[in-house]
Structure formats: structure tokens, C-alpha cells
Amino acid sequence: MVGVISSFIVSFDDLTVVLFVTGPRMATLPIRIYAHIEYYTDPLVADIASSIVGMTIIVMMAIEKLVGLDKVLGSG
């Protein structure tokens, strides 16, 4: 439960930073997600989050297979 609260606080802080960094014609993914949550109640945001987690896992598995995570992270 503590991890969930911590990740929410960190991601919410990132959202406020992104709000001040973007321009009027540029919309980053956190801005688009926040706007979508404001107006719609569908599982699109959960789908996006699942896709990002899945892509991260695939990239980490590819790095492990090709090079090895120990070499990439500098602990081996």
C-alpha cells in the first residue's frame, strides 16, 4: 500500500511539472491522460498503462537476452 501511495505522489508531482513545461500546441502523454480522465470514464487509461508496463518488460527482456542486465546496469 505504501508503494501505491508513493508512486501516486511522485506521478502527480510529475504531472504538475509537465503542465508548466508544455506549450499551447504540445500535449504530452500525462496531459492527454489527465484530460481524458476528466471527461470520459472508459478503460483507455488502464490500457495505456498496461501497454507501457508491457513494453518496458519486453525491452528489459531483450536487453537481458542481447547484452545482459548486469553489463548495462554496471553491476557485473
Protein backbone atom coordinates (compact mmCIF):
# COMPACT_ATOMS: atom_id res chain seq x y z
CA MET A 1 0.00 0.00 0.00
CA VAL A 2 2.88 2.35 0.76
CA GLY A 3 4.28 1.77 -2.75
CA VAL A 4 0.96 2.72 -4.32
CA ILE A 5 0.77 5.94 -2.31
CA SER A 6 4.40 6.82 -3.06
CA SER A 7 4.02 6.21 -6.79
CA PHE A 8 0.84 8.30 -6.87
CA ILE A 9 2.57 11.21 -5.15
CA VAL A 10 5.58 11.04 -7.47
CA SER A 11 3.48 10.76 -10.63
CA PHE A 12 1.18 13.57 -9.52
CA ASP A 13 4.25 15.76 -8.95
CA ASP A 14 5.43 14.91 -12.47
CA LEU A 15 2.06 15.98 -13.84
CA THR A 16 2.40 19.46 -12.36
CA VAL A 17 5.89 19.80 -13.82
CA VAL A 18 4.64 18.73 -17.25
CA LEU A 19 1.79 21.24 -17.05
CA PHE A 20 4.28 24.09 -16.74
CA VAL A 21 6.77 22.77 -19.31
CA THR A 22 4.42 22.16 -22.24
CA GLY A 23 3.34 24.78 -24.71
CA PRO A 24 -0.07 25.53 -26.18
CA ARG A 25 0.40 23.25 -29.22
CA MET A 26 2.24 20.43 -27.47
CA ALA A 27 0.45 17.83 -25.36
CA THR A 28 2.46 15.12 -23.63
CA LEU A 29 1.05 11.76 -22.62
CA PRO A 30 0.38 12.74 -18.97
CA ILE A 31 -1.55 15.82 -20.13
CA ARG A 32 -3.63 13.78 -22.57
CA ILE A 33 -4.35 11.13 -19.93
CA TYR A 34 -5.37 13.73 -17.36
CA ALA A 35 -7.70 15.43 -19.84
CA HIS A 36 -9.19 12.08 -20.82
CA ILE A 37 -9.86 11.14 -17.18
CA GLU A 38 -11.58 14.49 -16.65
CA TYR A 39 -14.18 13.95 -19.36
CA TYR A 40 -14.51 10.19 -20.00
CA THR A 41 -14.96 7.05 -17.92
CA ASP A 42 -13.61 4.22 -20.03
CA PRO A 43 -10.70 1.79 -19.64
CA LEU A 44 -8.42 3.60 -22.10
CA VAL A 45 -6.06 4.86 -19.39
CA ALA A 46 -5.71 1.36 -17.92
CA ASP A 47 -4.96 0.06 -21.42
CA ILE A 48 -2.26 2.69 -21.91
CA ALA A 49 -0.69 1.90 -18.53
CA SER A 50 -0.73 -1.83 -19.26
CA SER A 51 0.87 -1.21 -22.65
CA ILE A 52 3.66 0.88 -21.13
CA VAL A 53 4.37 -1.78 -18.48
CA GLY A 54 4.33 -4.50 -21.15
CA MET A 55 6.70 -2.57 -23.43
CA THR A 56 9.06 -1.99 -20.51
CA ILE A 57 9.11 -5.70 -19.70
CA ILE A 58 9.77 -6.60 -23.35
CA VAL A 59 12.63 -4.08 -23.61
CA MET A 60 14.19 -5.35 -20.37
CA MET A 61 13.93 -8.97 -21.57
CA ALA A 62 15.54 -8.01 -24.90
CA ILE A 63 18.39 -6.20 -23.15
CA GLU A 64 18.93 -9.20 -20.89
CA LYS A 65 18.97 -11.58 -23.85
CA LEU A 66 21.25 -9.45 -26.07
CA VAL A 67 23.71 -7.86 -23.66
CA GLY A 68 22.85 -8.80 -20.09
CA LEU A 69 21.39 -6.50 -17.50
CA ASP A 70 24.49 -6.78 -15.33
CA LYS A 71 26.61 -5.13 -18.01
CA VAL A 72 24.04 -2.45 -18.77
CA LEU A 73 23.48 -1.57 -15.12
CA GLY A 74 27.20 -1.70 -14.35
CA SER A 75 26.98 -4.30 -11.61
CA GLY A 76 28.65 -7.15 -13.44
